[in-house]
C-alpha atoms as a PDB file:
ATOM      1  CA  THR A   1      -0.010  -0.045   0.113  1.00  0.00           C
ATOM      2  CA  PRO A   2       1.410   3.316  -0.985  1.00  0.00           C
ATOM      3  CA  GLY A   3       0.816   5.003   2.314  1.00  0.00           C
ATOM      4  CA  TYR A   4       2.792   2.627   4.181  1.00  0.00           C
ATOM      5  CA  GLU A   5       5.754   2.344   1.909  1.00  0.00           C
ATOM      6  CA  SER A   6       9.073   2.898   3.616  1.00  0.00           C
ATOM      7  CA  PRO A   7      11.673   5.420   2.663  1.00  0.00           C
ATOM      8  CA  GLU A   8      14.112   3.051   1.162  1.00  0.00           C
ATOM      9  CA  VAL A   9      11.261   1.488  -1.087  1.00  0.00           C
ATOM     10  CA  GLN A  10      10.154   4.937  -2.169  1.00  0.00           C
ATOM     11  CA  LEU A  11      13.696   5.663  -3.290  1.00  0.00           C
ATOM     12  CA  GLY A  12      14.086   2.530  -5.041  1.00  0.00           C
ATOM     13  CA  ASN A  13      16.609   0.757  -2.746  1.00  0.00           C
ATOM     14  CA  GLY A  14      14.769  -2.466  -2.353  1.00  0.00           C
ATOM     15  CA  TYR A  15      12.691  -4.413   0.033  1.00  0.00           C
ATOM     16  CA  ASP A  16      13.648  -6.465   3.329  1.00  0.00           C
ATOM     17  CA  ALA A  17      12.472  -7.280   6.774  1.00  0.00           C
ATOM     18  CA  LYS A  18      13.377  -3.619   7.910  1.00  0.00           C
ATOM     19  CA  THR A  19      10.595  -2.613   5.399  1.00  0.00           C
ATOM     20  CA  ASP A  20       8.133  -4.890   7.147  1.00  0.00           C
ATOM     21  CA  ILE A  21       9.009  -3.187  10.410  1.00  0.00           C
ATOM     22  CA  TRP A  22       8.190   0.185   8.952  1.00  0.00           C
ATOM     23  CA  GLY A  23       4.798  -0.897   7.678  1.00  0.00           C
ATOM     24  CA  LEU A  24       3.943  -2.695  11.149  1.00  0.00           C
ATOM     25  CA  GLY A  25       4.939   0.678  12.788  1.00  0.00           C
ATOM     26  CA  CYS A  26       2.316   2.688  10.395  1.00  0.00           C
ATOM     27  CA  VAL A  27      -0.461   0.128  11.201  1.00  0.00           C
ATOM     28  CA  LEU A  28       0.437   0.351  14.943  1.00  0.00           C
ATOM     29  CA  CYS A  29       0.171   4.205  14.683  1.00  0.00           C
ATOM     30  CA  ASP A  30      -3.210   3.787  12.853  1.00  0.00           C
ATOM     31  CA  VAL A  31      -4.304   1.809  15.762  1.00  0.00           C
ATOM     32  CA  THR A  32      -3.267   3.756  18.615  1.00  0.00           C
ATOM     33  CA  THR A  33      -3.803   7.222  17.165  1.00  0.00           C
ATOM     34  CA  LEU A  34      -6.891   6.508  15.152  1.00  0.00           C
ATOM     35  CA  LYS A  35      -5.404   8.852  12.358  1.00  0.00           C
ATOM     36  CA  PHE A  36      -5.064   6.575   9.438  1.00  0.00           C
ATOM     37  CA  MET A  37      -2.442   6.554   6.802  1.00  0.00           C
ATOM     38  CA  HIS A  38      -4.883   6.646   4.049  1.00  0.00           C
ATOM     39  CA  GLU A  39      -6.266  10.053   5.462  1.00  0.00           C
ATOM     40  CA  ARG A  40      -3.049  11.782   5.346  1.00  0.00           C
ATOM     41  CA  PRO A  41      -1.787  13.759   2.471  1.00  0.00           C
ATOM     42  CA  GLY A  42       0.922  11.395   0.794  1.00  0.00           C
ATOM     43  CA  SER A  43       2.884   8.429   2.703  1.00  0.00           C
ATOM     44  CA  LEU A  44       4.471   8.921   6.072  1.00  0.00           C
ATOM     45  CA  ALA A  45       7.836   8.300   4.297  1.00  0.00           C
ATOM     46  CA  THR A  46       7.221  11.439   2.121  1.00  0.00           C
ATOM     47  CA  GLN A  47       5.859  13.491   4.880  1.00  0.00           C
ATOM     48  CA  VAL A  48       8.984  12.718   7.116  1.00  0.00           C
ATOM     49  CA  GLN A  49      11.379  13.527   4.098  1.00  0.00           C
ATOM     50  CA  VAL A  50       9.662  16.757   3.492  1.00  0.00           C
ATOM     51  CA  ASP A  51       9.341  17.659   7.223  1.00  0.00           C
ATOM     52  CA  PRO A  52      11.567  15.926   9.570  1.00  0.00           C
ATOM     53  CA  SER A  53       9.526  16.796  12.497  1.00  0.00           C
ATOM     54  CA  ALA A  54       6.306  15.078  10.922  1.00  0.00           C
ATOM     55  CA  LEU A  55       7.082  11.878  12.882  1.00  0.00           C
ATOM     56  CA  GLY A  56       7.167  13.817  16.092  1.00  0.00           C
ATOM     57  CA  LYS A  57       3.819  15.334  15.490  1.00  0.00           C
ATOM     58  CA  LEU A  58       2.400  11.920  14.544  1.00  0.00           C
ATOM     59  CA  LEU A  59       3.809  10.178  17.628  1.00  0.00           C
ATOM     60  CA  ALA A  60       3.091  13.041  20.242  1.00  0.00           C
ATOM     61  CA  PRO A  61      -0.530  11.195  21.228  1.00  0.00           C
ATOM     62  CA  VAL A  62       1.286   7.869  21.471  1.00  0.00           C
ATOM     63  CA  HIS A  63       3.672   9.295  24.335  1.00  0.00           C
ATOM     64  CA  GLU A  64       0.779  11.036  26.079  1.00  0.00           C
ATOM     65  CA  LEU A  65      -1.642   7.917  25.796  1.00  0.00           C
ATOM     66  CA  TYR A  66       0.508   4.936  26.058  1.00  0.00           C
ATOM     67  CA  GLY A  67       3.944   6.197  27.649  1.00  0.00           C
ATOM     68  CA  PRO A  68       7.489   6.414  26.891  1.00  0.00           C
ATOM     69  CA  ASP A  69       8.010   2.815  26.173  1.00  0.00           C
ATOM     70  CA  MET A  70       5.524   2.521  23.377  1.00  0.00           C
ATOM     71  CA  HIS A  71       6.800   5.841  22.146  1.00  0.00           C
ATOM     72  CA  ALA A  72      10.153   4.646  22.095  1.00  0.00           C
ATOM     73  CA  LEU A  73       9.101   1.453  20.168  1.00  0.00           C
ATOM     74  CA  PHE A  74       7.241   3.400  17.367  1.00  0.00           C
ATOM     75  CA  THR A  75      10.039   5.910  17.036  1.00  0.00           C
ATOM     76  CA  SER A  76      12.574   2.983  16.364  1.00  0.00           C
ATOM     77  CA  MET A  77      10.130   1.134  14.107  1.00  0.00           C
ATOM     78  CA  LEU A  78       9.672   4.352  12.063  1.00  0.00           C
ATOM     79  CA  ALA A  79      13.219   5.436  11.807  1.00  0.00           C
ATOM     80  CA  THR A  80      14.079   6.654   8.378  1.00  0.00           C
ATOM     81  CA  ASP A  81      17.393   4.806   8.375  1.00  0.00           C
ATOM     82  CA  PRO A  82      16.517   0.949   8.029  1.00  0.00           C
ATOM     83  CA  ALA A  83      19.643  -0.012  10.111  1.00  0.00           C
ATOM     84  CA  SER A  84      18.075   1.753  13.152  1.00  0.00           C
ATOM     85  CA  ARG A  85      15.050  -0.296  13.021  1.00  0.00           C
ATOM     86  CA  PRO A  86      14.429  -3.174  15.094  1.00  0.00           C
ATOM     87  CA  SER A  87      14.800  -6.512  13.629  1.00  0.00           C
ATOM     88  CA  ALA A  88      12.129  -8.943  12.651  1.00  0.00           C
END
């Protein structure tokens, strides 16, 4: 789904397990914030590339509602650098 494409896929750098971690992070954000990716202008990867603070804005409610551990998990799953994401 284009709204869940990782930054590396958008740049044509291929697909691996870290791409799945990005997608799972997107789905978990949908579920916890009730703000769905298909309702946003463009993909999250594009938003983060245009405005690096976009991820912080998206995850602010996660920190408030679910605490710092969940916020840290989501932040790691949605890292723009695939090497910084958790392993599958």
